Protein backbone atom coordinates (compact mmCIF):
# COMPACT_ATOMS: atom_id res chain seq x y z
CA MET A 1 24.71 -22.54 30.22
CA ILE A 2 24.40 -25.65 32.70
CA SER A 3 20.90 -26.85 31.97
CA GLU A 4 21.50 -26.66 27.86
CA ASP A 5 24.26 -28.77 28.48
CA PHE A 6 23.28 -31.65 31.37
CA LYS A 7 19.80 -33.29 30.72
CA ILE A 8 18.43 -35.60 33.00
CA ASP A 9 16.27 -39.02 32.36
CA PHE A 10 13.55 -39.05 34.50
CA GLU A 11 12.52 -42.31 33.51
CA ASP A 12 16.00 -44.29 33.22
CA LYS A 13 17.43 -41.82 36.40
CA ARG A 14 20.21 -40.88 34.42
CA ILE A 15 22.04 -37.73 33.75
CA PHE A 16 24.15 -36.80 31.01
CA TYR A 17 25.95 -34.57 28.57
CA ASN A 18 24.14 -33.20 26.04
CA PRO A 19 26.15 -34.49 22.97
CA SER A 20 25.59 -31.21 21.19
CA GLY A 21 26.45 -29.17 24.57
CA SER A 22 28.67 -25.79 24.87
CA GLY A 23 32.08 -27.76 25.86
CA SER A 24 32.11 -26.12 29.31
CA LYS A 25 33.06 -27.86 32.41
CA TYR A 26 31.12 -26.70 35.30
CA LYS A 27 32.15 -27.16 39.14
CA ALA A 28 30.49 -30.19 40.87
CA VAL A 29 28.43 -27.59 43.03
CA GLU A 30 27.16 -26.12 40.15
CA LEU A 31 25.30 -29.62 39.13
CA TYR A 32 24.18 -30.01 42.42
CA SER A 33 22.55 -26.84 42.54
CA TYR A 34 21.21 -27.50 39.07
CA LEU A 35 19.53 -30.75 39.93
CA GLN A 36 18.04 -29.11 42.95
CA ASP A 37 16.22 -26.49 41.35
CA VAL A 38 14.95 -29.01 38.81
CA PHE A 39 13.21 -31.33 41.67
CA ASP A 40 12.31 -28.57 43.46
CA ASN A 41 9.43 -27.63 40.79
CA ALA A 42 6.32 -29.22 41.41
CA GLU A 43 6.09 -31.52 38.37
CA ASN A 44 9.05 -33.08 39.37
CA MET A 45 8.70 -33.95 42.89
CA LYS A 46 7.18 -37.13 41.86
CA TYR A 47 11.04 -38.19 41.39
CA ASP A 48 13.31 -39.48 43.54
CA ILE A 49 16.09 -36.35 44.37
CA PRO A 50 19.30 -37.85 42.68
CA ILE A 51 22.18 -35.95 44.39
CA ARG A 52 22.99 -35.61 48.19
CA ALA A 53 25.89 -32.94 49.45
CA GLU A 54 28.58 -34.30 51.87
CA SER A 55 30.20 -31.01 51.87
CA LYS A 56 31.32 -28.11 49.72
CA ILE A 57 32.80 -30.02 47.02
CA LYS A 58 31.74 -33.82 47.61
CA PHE A 59 28.38 -35.20 46.36
CA PHE A 60 26.90 -38.42 45.73
CA LEU A 61 24.31 -39.41 43.29
CA ILE A 62 21.46 -41.40 45.11
CA ASN A 63 18.46 -43.36 44.72
CA GLY A 64 19.67 -45.69 42.02
CA TRP A 65 20.85 -42.12 39.59
CA THR A 66 23.70 -42.57 37.34
CA ILE A 67 26.12 -40.48 35.10
CA ASP A 68 28.33 -41.73 32.44
CA LYS A 69 32.03 -41.33 32.59
CA GLU A 70 32.04 -38.51 29.39
CA SER A 71 29.31 -36.89 31.29
CA MET A 72 31.62 -36.62 34.37
CA GLU A 73 34.60 -35.38 32.12
CA HIS A 74 32.44 -32.13 32.23
CA LEU A 75 33.29 -31.47 35.80
CA LYS A 76 35.65 -29.62 37.63
CA GLU A 77 36.55 -28.76 41.57
CA GLY A 78 34.88 -31.32 43.20
CA THR A 79 33.58 -35.35 43.44
CA LEU A 80 30.58 -36.93 42.42
CA ASP A 81 30.27 -40.71 43.42
CA THR A 82 27.33 -42.97 43.37
CA VAL A 83 25.93 -44.80 46.33
CA SER A 84 25.40 -48.16 45.89
CA GLY A 85 21.94 -49.99 47.20
CA SER A 86 20.56 -45.96 47.70
């Protein structure tokens, strides 16, 4: 389950793969949907939204959010890039 495999550090604006996760790979759009759901919760609306979709398969981390290379290895079928200065 993506909510158990990917974790969000709201204070450091970091998204990372749980070291004790399932090892599953997820479509980039699945991570996008998961993050949108998390940030739609009232208690999380005070934080900057971390992701933007450019198409159905191309996504960008925005507002200073990051993801490490090891976590990226758990994504498939799409791209996730960072946007500088946003």
